[in-house]
Amino acid sequence: MHELIGSHDLLFVTLDTLRYDVAAAALAAGRTPTLARVLPGGRWQRRHTPASFTYAAHHAFFAGFLPTPVTPGPHERLFAARFAGSETSGPATYVFDAADLPSALAKEGYHTVCLGGVGFFNPGAPLGRVLPGLFTESHWEPSFGVTAPGCLGAQIDRLQAIVAGLPADRPLFSFVNVAALHQPNKHYLPGAVADSLESHAAALSYVDGELGRLFDLVAGRGRPCQVILCSDHGTLYGEDGHVGHRVAHEAVWTVPYAEFVVRPR
């Protein structure tokens, strides 16, 4: 990863609340053809998230603690904030002397952009300004949020406008938090009166239909783009009596993960 900094753009997409089992089943059933084309080996990696809800997970992500492979480690990390005693930084790790990745990349000359989705990115309250405040430029509006059926499309429209105004030789770090999978998601399943695993999967099908446009957008800048695509945590629809997340349950801790490079057009 440290060899890519400066020469590659970086796109980090969190599919907020996406469960691993739903993602894997949708892929196997042919419901996510865009992901089938870009996922290395045509499959998701099964990983464990560092936290059970959005705010905590993203703090960990931006410090370099991405979801961890479920196989025994240690596993070298892509990037890491420098601190004494770290045992998972290696020769390929981009180690930075900052508290978070957006700040480190800004020092490297990157324009850093946050396109928030769920409530922890809503600047209407002070708590919703913490994560976006790490970036040079941040955006949130109701059309990006959990109640907007076209949320990812609206985020891509905004990113397209940002890219159009950015010099081609300026490296770009784009972070997109996708809200579609988060409750409520029943609006993606016609006739549904409540959220369910089925509406969760339908929301993923919607997202897959928009991702091709996102990848085309970053490919159009004329430089390779390193993509990190993952969920921050799963969620529950009645399993063991639980609804939602922020609990220590297998379906919450286990998330899909992928990393790959999009080549410039």
Protein backbone atom coordinates (compact mmCIF):
# COMPACT_ATOMS: atom_id res chain seq x y z
CA MET A 1 0.00 0.00 0.00
CA HIS A 2 2.79 2.47 0.80
CA GLU A 3 4.00 2.26 -2.81
CA LEU A 4 0.59 3.36 -4.12
CA ILE A 5 0.36 6.60 -2.14
CA GLY A 6 0.69 9.54 -4.50
CA SER A 7 0.34 7.58 -7.74
CA HIS A 8 -3.12 6.12 -7.04
CA ASP A 9 -6.42 7.63 -6.06
CA LEU A 10 -8.14 5.93 -3.13
CA LEU A 11 -11.85 5.07 -2.92
CA PHE A 12 -13.14 3.70 0.38
CA VAL A 13 -16.78 2.58 0.35
CA THR A 14 -18.55 1.28 3.44
CA LEU A 15 -21.81 -0.52 2.71
CA ASP A 16 -23.26 0.37 6.07
CA THR A 17 -24.87 -2.57 7.94
CA LEU A 18 -24.41 -5.12 5.11
CA ARG A 19 -24.39 -8.68 6.44
CA TYR A 20 -21.84 -11.14 5.10
CA ASP A 21 -24.34 -13.96 4.66
CA VAL A 22 -26.70 -11.75 2.65
CA ALA A 23 -23.88 -10.42 0.49
CA ALA A 24 -22.53 -13.91 -0.24
CA ALA A 25 -25.98 -15.33 -1.02
CA ALA A 26 -26.85 -12.43 -3.34
CA LEU A 27 -23.58 -12.89 -5.19
CA ALA A 28 -24.15 -16.64 -5.60
CA ALA A 29 -27.69 -16.02 -6.86
CA GLY A 30 -26.51 -13.56 -9.52
CA ARG A 31 -28.23 -10.59 -7.88
CA THR A 32 -25.08 -8.43 -7.78
CA PRO A 33 -23.54 -8.63 -11.27
CA THR A 34 -21.41 -5.49 -10.87
CA LEU A 35 -19.78 -6.88 -7.75
CA ALA A 36 -19.32 -10.25 -9.47
CA ARG A 37 -17.19 -8.50 -12.11
CA VAL A 38 -14.92 -6.60 -9.72
CA LEU A 39 -14.50 -8.78 -6.62
CA PRO A 40 -11.15 -10.61 -6.74
CA GLY A 41 -11.87 -14.25 -7.53
CA GLY A 42 -15.53 -13.36 -7.86
CA ARG A 43 -16.13 -13.62 -4.14
CA TRP A 44 -16.29 -11.62 -0.93
CA GLN A 45 -13.71 -12.11 1.81
CA ARG A 46 -15.25 -13.11 5.14
CA ARG A 47 -13.88 -10.85 7.85
CA HIS A 48 -14.54 -9.64 11.40
CA THR A 49 -15.26 -5.97 12.04
CA PRO A 50 -13.51 -4.12 14.88
CA ALA A 51 -16.83 -2.78 16.22
CA SER A 52 -20.53 -3.52 16.25
CA PHE A 53 -21.87 -0.12 15.14
CA THR A 54 -21.01 2.64 12.69
CA TYR A 55 -19.36 5.29 14.85
CA ALA A 56 -16.89 2.97 16.57
CA ALA A 57 -16.14 0.94 13.43
CA HIS A 58 -15.26 3.99 11.36
CA HIS A 59 -12.99 5.43 14.02
CA ALA A 60 -11.10 2.14 13.88
CA PHE A 61 -11.11 2.07 10.06
CA PHE A 62 -9.62 5.54 9.74
CA ALA A 63 -6.82 4.58 12.16
CA GLY A 64 -5.97 1.57 9.98
CA PHE A 65 -7.96 -1.18 11.67
CA LEU A 66 -10.00 -2.50 8.76
CA PRO A 67 -12.05 -5.71 9.14
CA THR A 68 -9.71 -8.57 10.02
CA PRO A 69 -9.52 -11.87 8.09
CA VAL A 70 -11.18 -14.69 10.00
CA THR A 71 -8.16 -16.96 9.50
CA PRO A 72 -5.46 -17.00 12.21
CA GLY A 73 -3.04 -14.06 11.99
CA PRO A 74 -1.16 -11.90 12.36
CA HIS A 75 -2.42 -10.09 9.26
CA GLU A 76 -0.44 -7.18 7.83
CA ARG A 77 -2.60 -4.08 7.53
CA LEU A 78 -2.96 -1.89 4.42
CA PHE A 79 -2.38 1.31 6.38
CA ALA A 80 -1.76 2.16 10.01
CA ALA A 81 -1.33 5.12 12.31
CA ARG A 82 2.13 4.87 13.86
CA PHE A 83 2.16 3.85 17.49
CA ALA A 84 4.56 1.95 19.74
CA GLY A 85 4.00 -1.79 19.95
CA SER A 86 2.02 -2.27 16.72
CA GLU A 87 2.41 -5.88 15.60
CA THR A 88 0.40 -5.77 12.36
CA SER A 89 2.36 -3.16 10.39
CA GLY A 90 4.74 -4.61 7.81
CA PRO A 91 6.87 -3.69 4.80
CA ALA A 92 3.82 -3.15 2.57
CA THR A 93 1.86 -1.09 5.12
CA TYR A 94 1.42 2.63 4.61
CA VAL A 95 2.35 3.86 8.10
CA PHE A 96 1.47 7.47 8.78
CA ASP A 97 2.33 9.98 11.50
CA ALA A 98 -1.17 11.28 12.05
CA ALA A 99 -4.17 10.21 14.10
CA ASP A 100 -6.24 9.25 11.07
CA LEU A 101 -5.94 8.35 7.39
CA PRO A 102 -7.72 11.40 5.90
CA SER A 103 -5.38 13.78 7.73
CA ALA A 104 -2.33 11.76 6.66
CA LEU A 105 -3.39 11.71 3.01
CA ALA A 106 -4.08 15.44 3.05
CA LYS A 107 -0.44 15.94 4.09
CA GLU A 108 0.54 13.80 1.09
CA GLY A 109 -1.28 16.20 -1.23
CA TYR A 110 -4.59 14.36 -1.55
CA HIS A 111 -7.92 16.12 -1.72
CA THR A 112 -10.02 14.23 0.83
CA VAL A 113 -13.79 14.01 0.45
CA CYS A 114 -16.43 12.48 2.73
CA LEU A 115 -19.89 11.67 1.37
CA GLY A 116 -21.82 10.59 4.46
CA GLY A 117 -24.90 8.42 4.61
CA VAL A 118 -26.19 7.28 8.01
CA GLY A 119 -26.88 9.55 10.97
CA PHE A 120 -23.32 9.60 12.33
CA PHE A 121 -22.40 11.68 9.25
CA ASN A 122 -25.32 14.10 9.61
CA PRO A 123 -23.82 17.45 10.72
CA GLY A 124 -27.12 18.54 12.26
CA ALA A 125 -25.74 17.43 15.64
CA PRO A 126 -22.17 17.84 16.99
CA LEU A 127 -21.64 14.08 17.08
CA GLY A 128 -22.38 13.91 13.35
CA ARG A 129 -19.53 16.33 12.63
CA VAL A 130 -16.75 14.25 14.21
CA LEU A 131 -16.09 11.76 11.39
CA PRO A 132 -16.75 14.21 8.51
CA GLY A 133 -14.47 16.69 10.29
CA LEU A 134 -11.47 14.49 9.47
CA PHE A 135 -11.83 15.40 5.78
CA THR A 136 -10.97 18.48 3.76
CA GLU A 137 -14.44 18.46 2.22
CA SER A 138 -17.55 16.72 3.53
CA HIS A 139 -21.16 16.51 2.39
CA TRP A 140 -24.40 15.16 3.82
CA GLU A 141 -28.01 15.87 2.90
CA PRO A 142 -31.29 14.00 3.38
CA SER A 143 -31.04 12.56 -0.14
CA PHE A 144 -27.93 10.65 1.05
CA GLY A 145 -29.63 9.23 4.14
CA VAL A 146 -31.37 6.07 5.25
CA THR A 147 -34.87 7.12 4.17
CA ALA A 148 -33.88 8.06 0.60
CA PRO A 149 -34.34 5.18 -1.90
CA GLY A 150 -31.86 6.78 -4.32
CA CYS A 151 -29.21 7.59 -1.71
CA LEU A 152 -26.15 6.16 -3.47
CA GLY A 153 -27.12 7.70 -6.80
CA ALA A 154 -27.32 11.12 -5.14
CA GLN A 155 -23.89 10.63 -3.55
CA ILE A 156 -22.37 9.67 -6.90
CA ASP A 157 -23.91 12.77 -8.50
CA ARG A 158 -22.22 14.92 -5.85
CA LEU A 159 -18.87 13.15 -6.28
CA GLN A 160 -19.11 13.64 -10.05
CA ALA A 161 -19.43 17.39 -9.51
CA ILE A 162 -16.44 17.37 -7.15
CA VAL A 163 -14.30 15.39 -9.60
CA ALA A 164 -15.21 17.78 -12.42
CA GLY A 165 -13.73 20.68 -10.45
CA LEU A 166 -10.55 18.90 -9.33
CA PRO A 167 -7.29 19.13 -11.30
CA ALA A 168 -6.50 15.79 -12.94
CA ASP A 169 -3.04 15.70 -11.37
CA ARG A 170 -4.36 16.13 -7.81
CA PRO A 171 -4.74 12.74 -6.09
CA LEU A 172 -8.17 12.11 -4.58
CA PHE A 173 -9.31 10.17 -1.53
CA SER A 174 -13.06 9.61 -1.71
CA PHE A 175 -14.95 8.07 1.19
CA VAL A 176 -18.57 7.03 0.64
CA ASN A 177 -20.77 5.71 3.43
CA VAL A 178 -23.75 4.00 1.76
CA ALA A 179 -26.95 4.11 3.81
CA ALA A 180 -29.22 1.90 1.69
CA LEU A 181 -28.71 -1.34 3.65
CA HIS A 182 -29.42 0.28 7.00
CA GLN A 183 -32.90 0.19 8.49
CA PRO A 184 -35.36 1.24 7.16
CA ASN A 185 -34.86 -0.67 3.90
CA LYS A 186 -38.37 -2.03 3.26
CA HIS A 187 -38.83 0.52 0.47
CA TYR A 188 -36.55 -1.58 -1.75
CA LEU A 189 -38.99 -4.51 -1.65
CA PRO A 190 -42.35 -3.69 -3.27
CA GLY A 191 -45.24 -4.41 -0.94
CA ALA A 192 -43.07 -4.92 2.15
CA VAL A 193 -44.53 -3.58 5.39
CA ALA A 194 -41.44 -4.25 7.54
CA ASP A 195 -37.68 -4.58 7.16
CA SER A 196 -36.38 -8.10 6.69
CA LEU A 197 -33.50 -10.12 5.30
CA GLU A 198 -35.31 -9.99 1.96
CA SER A 199 -35.51 -6.20 1.91
CA HIS A 200 -31.87 -6.05 3.06
CA ALA A 201 -30.95 -8.13 -0.01
CA ALA A 202 -33.14 -5.96 -2.24
CA ALA A 203 -31.29 -2.88 -0.97
CA LEU A 204 -28.00 -4.54 -1.94
CA SER A 205 -29.34 -5.15 -5.46
CA TYR A 206 -30.09 -1.42 -5.71
CA VAL A 207 -26.56 -0.56 -4.56
CA ASP A 208 -25.03 -2.98 -7.06
CA GLY A 209 -26.93 -1.22 -9.83
CA GLU A 210 -25.22 2.08 -8.93
CA LEU A 211 -21.69 0.85 -8.22
CA GLY A 212 -20.77 0.56 -11.90
CA ARG A 213 -21.27 4.32 -12.30
CA LEU A 214 -19.10 4.96 -9.24
CA PHE A 215 -16.26 2.81 -10.56
CA ASP A 216 -16.51 4.43 -14.00
CA LEU A 217 -16.28 7.83 -12.34
CA VAL A 218 -13.02 7.11 -10.53
CA ALA A 219 -11.61 5.34 -13.59
CA GLY A 220 -12.26 8.46 -15.65
CA ARG A 221 -9.71 10.54 -13.73
CA GLY A 222 -6.86 9.01 -15.71
CA ARG A 223 -5.02 7.39 -12.80
CA PRO A 224 -5.40 3.99 -11.12
CA CYS A 225 -7.65 3.90 -8.06
CA GLN A 226 -7.22 1.59 -5.08
CA VAL A 227 -10.68 0.54 -3.90
CA ILE A 228 -11.58 -0.72 -0.43
CA LEU A 229 -15.14 -2.02 -0.23
CA CYS A 230 -16.59 -3.45 2.96
CA SER A 231 -19.32 -3.36 5.56
CA ASP A 232 -18.80 -1.76 8.95
CA HIS A 233 -21.03 -4.29 10.77
CA GLY A 234 -24.02 -6.52 10.17
CA THR A 235 -27.49 -6.29 11.67
CA LEU A 236 -30.20 -8.56 13.03
CA TYR A 237 -33.79 -9.19 12.01
CA GLY A 238 -35.00 -11.20 14.99
CA GLU A 239 -32.20 -13.76 15.29
CA ASP A 240 -31.95 -14.89 18.93
CA GLY A 241 -34.51 -12.21 19.77
CA HIS A 242 -32.35 -9.30 18.58
CA VAL A 243 -33.27 -6.55 16.14
CA GLY A 244 -30.59 -4.12 14.98
CA HIS A 245 -26.92 -4.19 15.98
CA ARG A 246 -24.50 -2.95 18.69
CA VAL A 247 -24.57 -6.46 20.15
CA ALA A 248 -21.97 -9.26 20.11
CA HIS A 249 -23.64 -11.56 17.61
CA GLU A 250 -22.02 -13.54 14.77
CA ALA A 251 -24.23 -11.87 12.15
CA VAL A 252 -23.12 -8.45 13.42
CA TRP A 253 -19.39 -9.16 13.71
CA THR A 254 -18.99 -10.97 10.38
CA VAL A 255 -18.78 -8.66 7.37
CA PRO A 256 -17.92 -8.80 3.65
CA TYR A 257 -14.66 -7.21 2.48
CA ALA A 258 -12.82 -6.65 -0.81
CA GLU A 259 -9.89 -4.63 -2.11
CA PHE A 260 -8.90 -4.16 -5.76
CA VAL A 261 -7.54 -1.60 -8.22
CA VAL A 262 -9.70 0.10 -10.84
CA ARG A 263 -7.55 0.89 -13.89
CA PRO A 264 -7.93 4.23 -15.65
CA ARG A 265 -9.85 4.44 -18.89
